[in-house]
Amino acid sequence: MVNRTAAQDGALMGMKEICRYMDKSEPTIIRYINTMSFPAKKVNGVWLSDAGLIREWRLALLLPHKQKKR
């Protein structure tokens, strides 16, 4: 069995690491969290996210939304 670090698994720990991954400022990431369902959560005072979830979030922003039939 191979031991993998959190970074290899895609885990992002701390706001600085999330900002670095996104190449965005902290206020921008906070705005994304509050208004755009950005996949990050503060747990025991530490911001956590995942690179795979962020890729899915970005892709969802690009795809057209399904419209309800009337």
PDB file of N, CA and C in Angstrom:
ATOM      1  N   MET A   1       0.845  -1.189   0.000  1.00  0.00           N
ATOM      2  CA  MET A   1       0.000   0.000   0.000  1.00  0.00           C
ATOM      3  C   MET A   1       0.885   1.245   0.000  1.00  0.00           C
ATOM      4  N   VAL A   2       0.500   2.215  -0.791  1.00  0.00           N
ATOM      5  CA  VAL A   2       1.268   3.452  -0.920  1.00  0.00           C
ATOM      6  C   VAL A   2       0.657   4.510  -0.015  1.00  0.00           C
ATOM      7  N   ASN A   3       1.490   5.141   0.806  1.00  0.00           N
ATOM      8  CA  ASN A   3       1.018   6.258   1.622  1.00  0.00           C
ATOM      9  C   ASN A   3       1.006   7.502   0.764  1.00  0.00           C
ATOM     10  N   ARG A   4      -0.116   8.225   0.818  1.00  0.00           N
ATOM     11  CA  ARG A   4      -0.240   9.443   0.030  1.00  0.00           C
ATOM     12  C   ARG A   4      -0.423  10.614   0.971  1.00  0.00           C
ATOM     13  N   THR A   5       0.183  11.725   0.627  1.00  0.00           N
ATOM     14  CA  THR A   5       0.009  12.927   1.427  1.00  0.00           C
ATOM     15  C   THR A   5      -1.331  13.564   1.084  1.00  0.00           C
ATOM     16  N   ALA A   6      -1.786  14.479   1.932  1.00  0.00           N
ATOM     17  CA  ALA A   6      -3.049  15.178   1.688  1.00  0.00           C
ATOM     18  C   ALA A   6      -3.013  15.908   0.354  1.00  0.00           C
ATOM     19  N   ALA A   7      -1.882  16.520   0.030  1.00  0.00           N
ATOM     20  CA  ALA A   7      -1.761  17.270  -1.225  1.00  0.00           C
ATOM     21  C   ALA A   7      -1.904  16.344  -2.430  1.00  0.00           C
ATOM     22  N   GLN A   8      -1.367  15.145  -2.348  1.00  0.00           N
ATOM     23  CA  GLN A   8      -1.486  14.197  -3.449  1.00  0.00           C
ATOM     24  C   GLN A   8      -2.931  13.739  -3.625  1.00  0.00           C
ATOM     25  N   ASP A   9      -3.691  13.714  -2.539  1.00  0.00           N
ATOM     26  CA  ASP A   9      -5.088  13.323  -2.604  1.00  0.00           C
ATOM     27  C   ASP A   9      -5.976  14.472  -3.052  1.00  0.00           C
ATOM     28  N   GLY A  10      -5.425  15.670  -3.171  1.00  0.00           N
ATOM     29  CA  GLY A  10      -6.203  16.817  -3.598  1.00  0.00           C
ATOM     30  C   GLY A  10      -6.708  17.664  -2.451  1.00  0.00           C
ATOM     31  N   ALA A  11      -6.416  17.263  -1.222  1.00  0.00           N
ATOM     32  CA  ALA A  11      -6.869  18.032  -0.068  1.00  0.00           C
ATOM     33  C   ALA A  11      -6.136  19.365  -0.006  1.00  0.00           C
ATOM     34  N   LEU A  12      -6.896  20.428   0.232  1.00  0.00           N
ATOM     35  CA  LEU A  12      -6.322  21.761   0.400  1.00  0.00           C
ATOM     36  C   LEU A  12      -6.637  22.197   1.828  1.00  0.00           C
ATOM     37  N   MET A  13      -5.592  22.494   2.584  1.00  0.00           N
ATOM     38  CA  MET A  13      -5.764  22.838   3.993  1.00  0.00           C
ATOM     39  C   MET A  13      -5.286  24.254   4.245  1.00  0.00           C
ATOM     40  N   GLY A  14      -6.202  25.087   4.695  1.00  0.00           N
ATOM     41  CA  GLY A  14      -5.873  26.473   4.992  1.00  0.00           C
ATOM     42  C   GLY A  14      -6.247  27.397   3.848  1.00  0.00           C
ATOM     43  N   MET A  15      -6.669  28.600   4.193  1.00  0.00           N
ATOM     44  CA  MET A  15      -7.098  29.560   3.191  1.00  0.00           C
ATOM     45  C   MET A  15      -5.972  29.919   2.229  1.00  0.00           C
ATOM     46  N   LYS A  16      -4.738  30.015   2.728  1.00  0.00           N
ATOM     47  CA  LYS A  16      -3.622  30.359   1.838  1.00  0.00           C
ATOM     48  C   LYS A  16      -3.440  29.316   0.741  1.00  0.00           C
ATOM     49  N   GLU A  17      -3.568  28.051   1.096  1.00  0.00           N
ATOM     50  CA  GLU A  17      -3.402  26.980   0.110  1.00  0.00           C
ATOM     51  C   GLU A  17      -4.554  26.994  -0.902  1.00  0.00           C
ATOM     52  N   ILE A  18      -5.767  27.248  -0.420  1.00  0.00           N
ATOM     53  CA  ILE A  18      -6.923  27.339  -1.314  1.00  0.00           C
ATOM     54  C   ILE A  18      -6.737  28.515  -2.273  1.00  0.00           C
ATOM     55  N   CYS A  19      -6.323  29.659  -1.734  1.00  0.00           N
ATOM     56  CA  CYS A  19      -6.091  30.853  -2.572  1.00  0.00           C
ATOM     57  C   CYS A  19      -5.004  30.597  -3.601  1.00  0.00           C
ATOM     58  N   ARG A  20      -3.943  29.945  -3.189  1.00  0.00           N
ATOM     59  CA  ARG A  20      -2.840  29.642  -4.107  1.00  0.00           C
ATOM     60  C   ARG A  20      -3.335  28.722  -5.227  1.00  0.00           C
ATOM     61  N   TYR A  21      -4.108  27.707  -4.873  1.00  0.00           N
ATOM     62  CA  TYR A  21      -4.622  26.776  -5.875  1.00  0.00           C
ATOM     63  C   TYR A  21      -5.516  27.505  -6.889  1.00  0.00           C
ATOM     64  N   MET A  22      -6.346  28.408  -6.392  1.00  0.00           N
ATOM     65  CA  MET A  22      -7.283  29.136  -7.252  1.00  0.00           C
ATOM     66  C   MET A  22      -6.646  30.362  -7.903  1.00  0.00           C
ATOM     67  N   ASP A  23      -5.501  30.799  -7.413  1.00  0.00           N
ATOM     68  CA  ASP A  23      -4.850  32.030  -7.859  1.00  0.00           C
ATOM     69  C   ASP A  23      -5.799  33.220  -7.685  1.00  0.00           C
ATOM     70  N   LYS A  24      -6.424  33.260  -6.508  1.00  0.00           N
ATOM     71  CA  LYS A  24      -7.364  34.326  -6.153  1.00  0.00           C
ATOM     72  C   LYS A  24      -7.048  34.812  -4.742  1.00  0.00           C
ATOM     73  N   SER A  25      -7.530  36.016  -4.412  1.00  0.00           N
ATOM     74  CA  SER A  25      -7.315  36.578  -3.079  1.00  0.00           C
ATOM     75  C   SER A  25      -8.290  35.957  -2.077  1.00  0.00           C
ATOM     76  N   GLU A  26      -7.978  36.100  -0.802  1.00  0.00           N
ATOM     77  CA  GLU A  26      -8.857  35.584   0.244  1.00  0.00           C
ATOM     78  C   GLU A  26     -10.251  36.206   0.180  1.00  0.00           C
ATOM     79  N   PRO A  27     -10.371  37.533   0.010  1.00  0.00           N
ATOM     80  CA  PRO A  27     -11.731  38.090  -0.082  1.00  0.00           C
ATOM     81  C   PRO A  27     -12.535  37.509  -1.257  1.00  0.00           C
ATOM     82  N   THR A  28     -11.869  37.211  -2.353  1.00  0.00           N
ATOM     83  CA  THR A  28     -12.561  36.618  -3.495  1.00  0.00           C
ATOM     84  C   THR A  28     -13.048  35.218  -3.162  1.00  0.00           C
ATOM     85  N   ILE A  29     -12.204  34.419  -2.532  1.00  0.00           N
ATOM     86  CA  ILE A  29     -12.602  33.060  -2.152  1.00  0.00           C
ATOM     87  C   ILE A  29     -13.763  33.114  -1.154  1.00  0.00           C
ATOM     88  N   ILE A  30     -13.693  34.008  -0.183  1.00  0.00           N
ATOM     89  CA  ILE A  30     -14.786  34.147   0.791  1.00  0.00           C
ATOM     90  C   ILE A  30     -16.080  34.527   0.066  1.00  0.00           C
ATOM     91  N   ARG A  31     -15.987  35.419  -0.911  1.00  0.00           N
ATOM     92  CA  ARG A  31     -17.170  35.795  -1.684  1.00  0.00           C
ATOM     93  C   ARG A  31     -17.718  34.590  -2.451  1.00  0.00           C
ATOM     94  N   TYR A  32     -16.841  33.788  -3.046  1.00  0.00           N
ATOM     95  CA  TYR A  32     -17.274  32.581  -3.743  1.00  0.00           C
ATOM     96  C   TYR A  32     -17.990  31.625  -2.780  1.00  0.00           C
ATOM     97  N   ILE A  33     -17.449  31.478  -1.578  1.00  0.00           N
ATOM     98  CA  ILE A  33     -18.060  30.597  -0.574  1.00  0.00           C
ATOM     99  C   ILE A  33     -19.457  31.099  -0.216  1.00  0.00           C
ATOM    100  N   ASN A  34     -19.572  32.397   0.005  1.00  0.00           N
ATOM    101  CA  ASN A  34     -20.835  32.976   0.468  1.00  0.00           C
ATOM    102  C   ASN A  34     -21.897  33.107  -0.617  1.00  0.00           C
ATOM    103  N   THR A  35     -21.485  33.259  -1.870  1.00  0.00           N
ATOM    104  CA  THR A  35     -22.473  33.554  -2.904  1.00  0.00           C
ATOM    105  C   THR A  35     -22.537  32.543  -4.051  1.00  0.00           C
ATOM    106  N   MET A  36     -21.522  31.687  -4.177  1.00  0.00           N
ATOM    107  CA  MET A  36     -21.469  30.810  -5.350  1.00  0.00           C
ATOM    108  C   MET A  36     -21.278  29.335  -4.996  1.00  0.00           C
ATOM    109  N   SER A  37     -21.549  28.973  -3.763  1.00  0.00           N
ATOM    110  CA  SER A  37     -21.448  27.572  -3.320  1.00  0.00           C
ATOM    111  C   SER A  37     -20.063  26.965  -3.563  1.00  0.00           C
ATOM    112  N   PHE A  38     -19.025  27.773  -3.363  1.00  0.00           N
ATOM    113  CA  PHE A  38     -17.658  27.274  -3.508  1.00  0.00           C
ATOM    114  C   PHE A  38     -17.426  26.168  -2.482  1.00  0.00           C
ATOM    115  N   PRO A  39     -16.805  25.050  -2.877  1.00  0.00           N
ATOM    116  CA  PRO A  39     -16.641  23.895  -1.988  1.00  0.00           C
ATOM    117  C   PRO A  39     -15.495  24.045  -0.983  1.00  0.00           C
ATOM    118  N   ALA A  40     -15.758  24.789   0.075  1.00  0.00           N
ATOM    119  CA  ALA A  40     -14.795  24.927   1.167  1.00  0.00           C
ATOM    120  C   ALA A  40     -15.576  25.101   2.464  1.00  0.00           C
ATOM    121  N   LYS A  41     -14.965  24.652   3.550  1.00  0.00           N
ATOM    122  CA  LYS A  41     -15.630  24.735   4.848  1.00  0.00           C
ATOM    123  C   LYS A  41     -14.583  24.953   5.937  1.00  0.00           C
ATOM    124  N   LYS A  42     -14.954  25.729   6.931  1.00  0.00           N
ATOM    125  CA  LYS A  42     -14.058  25.961   8.060  1.00  0.00           C
ATOM    126  C   LYS A  42     -14.371  24.919   9.132  1.00  0.00           C
ATOM    127  N   VAL A  43     -13.357  24.113   9.468  1.00  0.00           N
ATOM    128  CA  VAL A  43     -13.505  23.056  10.457  1.00  0.00           C
ATOM    129  C   VAL A  43     -12.462  23.267  11.544  1.00  0.00           C
ATOM    130  N   ASN A  44     -12.938  23.450  12.767  1.00  0.00           N
ATOM    131  CA  ASN A  44     -12.036  23.694  13.904  1.00  0.00           C
ATOM    132  C   ASN A  44     -11.059  24.829  13.613  1.00  0.00           C
ATOM    133  N   GLY A  45     -11.555  25.866  12.947  1.00  0.00           N
ATOM    134  CA  GLY A  45     -10.749  27.050  12.684  1.00  0.00           C
ATOM    135  C   GLY A  45      -9.843  26.965  11.472  1.00  0.00           C
ATOM    136  N   VAL A  46      -9.911  25.863  10.714  1.00  0.00           N
ATOM    137  CA  VAL A  46      -9.054  25.689   9.540  1.00  0.00           C
ATOM    138  C   VAL A  46      -9.939  25.517   8.306  1.00  0.00           C
ATOM    139  N   TRP A  47      -9.670  26.299   7.267  1.00  0.00           N
ATOM    140  CA  TRP A  47     -10.404  26.166   6.018  1.00  0.00           C
ATOM    141  C   TRP A  47      -9.937  24.913   5.295  1.00  0.00           C
ATOM    142  N   LEU A  48     -10.901  24.102   4.829  1.00  0.00           N
ATOM    143  CA  LEU A  48     -10.602  22.873   4.107  1.00  0.00           C
ATOM    144  C   LEU A  48     -11.337  22.871   2.780  1.00  0.00           C
ATOM    145  N   SER A  49     -10.689  22.307   1.765  1.00  0.00           N
ATOM    146  CA  SER A  49     -11.318  22.138   0.469  1.00  0.00           C
ATOM    147  C   SER A  49     -10.633  20.964  -0.227  1.00  0.00           C
ATOM    148  N   ASP A  50     -10.999  20.748  -1.475  1.00  0.00           N
ATOM    149  CA  ASP A  50     -10.450  19.633  -2.228  1.00  0.00           C
ATOM    150  C   ASP A  50     -10.324  20.044  -3.696  1.00  0.00           C
ATOM    151  N   ALA A  51      -9.187  19.770  -4.279  1.00  0.00           N
ATOM    152  CA  ALA A  51      -8.936  20.170  -5.670  1.00  0.00           C
ATOM    153  C   ALA A  51      -9.940  19.529  -6.624  1.00  0.00           C
ATOM    154  N   GLY A  52     -10.306  18.284  -6.400  1.00  0.00           N
ATOM    155  CA  GLY A  52     -11.278  17.616  -7.255  1.00  0.00           C
ATOM    156  C   GLY A  52     -12.647  18.274  -7.184  1.00  0.00           C
ATOM    157  N   LEU A  53     -13.071  18.641  -5.973  1.00  0.00           N
ATOM    158  CA  LEU A  53     -14.358  19.325  -5.809  1.00  0.00           C
ATOM    159  C   LEU A  53     -14.336  20.695  -6.478  1.00  0.00           C
ATOM    160  N   ILE A  54     -13.193  21.372  -6.389  1.00  0.00           N
ATOM    161  CA  ILE A  54     -13.076  22.683  -7.030  1.00  0.00           C
ATOM    162  C   ILE A  54     -13.143  22.536  -8.544  1.00  0.00           C
ATOM    163  N   ARG A  55     -12.508  21.503  -9.105  1.00  0.00           N
ATOM    164  CA  ARG A  55     -12.598  21.263 -10.547  1.00  0.00           C
ATOM    165  C   ARG A  55     -14.048  21.017 -10.963  1.00  0.00           C
ATOM    166  N   GLU A  56     -14.781  20.234 -10.177  1.00  0.00           N
ATOM    167  CA  GLU A  56     -16.195  19.977 -10.467  1.00  0.00           C
ATOM    168  C   GLU A  56     -17.005  21.264 -10.372  1.00  0.00           C
ATOM    169  N   TRP A  57     -16.721  22.093  -9.372  1.00  0.00           N
ATOM    170  CA  TRP A  57     -17.417  23.372  -9.187  1.00  0.00           C
ATOM    171  C   TRP A  57     -17.182  24.272 -10.399  1.00  0.00           C
ATOM    172  N   ARG A  58     -15.927  24.354 -10.844  1.00  0.00           N
ATOM    173  CA  ARG A  58     -15.605  25.173 -12.016  1.00  0.00           C
ATOM    174  C   ARG A  58     -16.340  24.669 -13.252  1.00  0.00           C
ATOM    175  N   LEU A  59     -16.361  23.357 -13.443  1.00  0.00           N
ATOM    176  CA  LEU A  59     -17.035  22.770 -14.593  1.00  0.00           C
ATOM    177  C   LEU A  59     -18.533  23.076 -14.547  1.00  0.00           C
ATOM    178  N   ALA A  60     -19.134  22.976 -13.378  1.00  0.00           N
ATOM    179  CA  ALA A  60     -20.563  23.261 -13.225  1.00  0.00           C
ATOM    180  C   ALA A  60     -20.875  24.712 -13.609  1.00  0.00           C
ATOM    181  N   LEU A  61     -19.947  25.623 -13.369  1.00  0.00           N
ATOM    182  CA  LEU A  61     -20.162  27.017 -13.749  1.00  0.00           C
ATOM    183  C   LEU A  61     -20.195  27.182 -15.263  1.00  0.00           C
ATOM    184  N   LEU A  62     -19.510  26.304 -15.978  1.00  0.00           N
ATOM    185  CA  LEU A  62     -19.420  26.405 -17.434  1.00  0.00           C
ATOM    186  C   LEU A  62     -20.580  25.733 -18.154  1.00  0.00           C
ATOM    187  N   LEU A  63     -21.199  24.753 -17.511  1.00  0.00           N
ATOM    188  CA  LEU A  63     -22.270  24.002 -18.155  1.00  0.00           C
ATOM    189  C   LEU A  63     -23.585  24.770 -18.074  1.00  0.00           C
ATOM    190  N   PRO A  64     -24.385  24.697 -19.131  1.00  0.00           N
ATOM    191  CA  PRO A  64     -25.685  25.377 -19.081  1.00  0.00           C
ATOM    192  C   PRO A  64     -26.583  24.712 -18.040  1.00  0.00           C
ATOM    193  N   HIS A  65     -27.375  25.525 -17.360  1.00  0.00           N
ATOM    194  CA  HIS A  65     -28.296  25.006 -16.360  1.00  0.00           C
ATOM    195  C   HIS A  65     -29.492  24.391 -17.060  1.00  0.00           C
ATOM    196  N   LYS A  66     -29.978  23.312 -16.501  1.00  0.00           N
ATOM    197  CA  LYS A  66     -31.182  22.702 -17.046  1.00  0.00           C
ATOM    198  C   LYS A  66     -32.368  23.590 -16.711  1.00  0.00           C
ATOM    199  N   GLN A  67     -33.173  23.859 -17.704  1.00  0.00           N
ATOM    200  CA  GLN A  67     -34.340  24.689 -17.496  1.00  0.00           C
ATOM    201  C   GLN A  67     -35.546  23.814 -17.232  1.00  0.00           C
ATOM    202  N   LYS A  68     -36.394  24.267 -16.317  1.00  0.00           N
ATOM    203  CA  LYS A  68     -37.616  23.543 -16.000  1.00  0.00           C
ATOM    204  C   LYS A  68     -38.611  23.680 -17.141  1.00  0.00           C
ATOM    205  N   LYS A  69     -39.293  22.577 -17.440  1.00  0.00           N
ATOM    206  CA  LYS A  69     -40.346  22.618 -18.459  1.00  0.00           C
ATOM    207  C   LYS A  69     -41.585  23.252 -17.860  1.00  0.00           C
ATOM    208  N   ARG A  70     -42.273  24.042 -18.677  1.00  0.00           N
ATOM    209  CA  ARG A  70     -43.492  24.693 -18.196  1.00  0.00           C
ATOM    210  C   ARG A  70     -44.714  23.962 -18.669  1.00  0.00           C
TER     211      ARG A  70
END
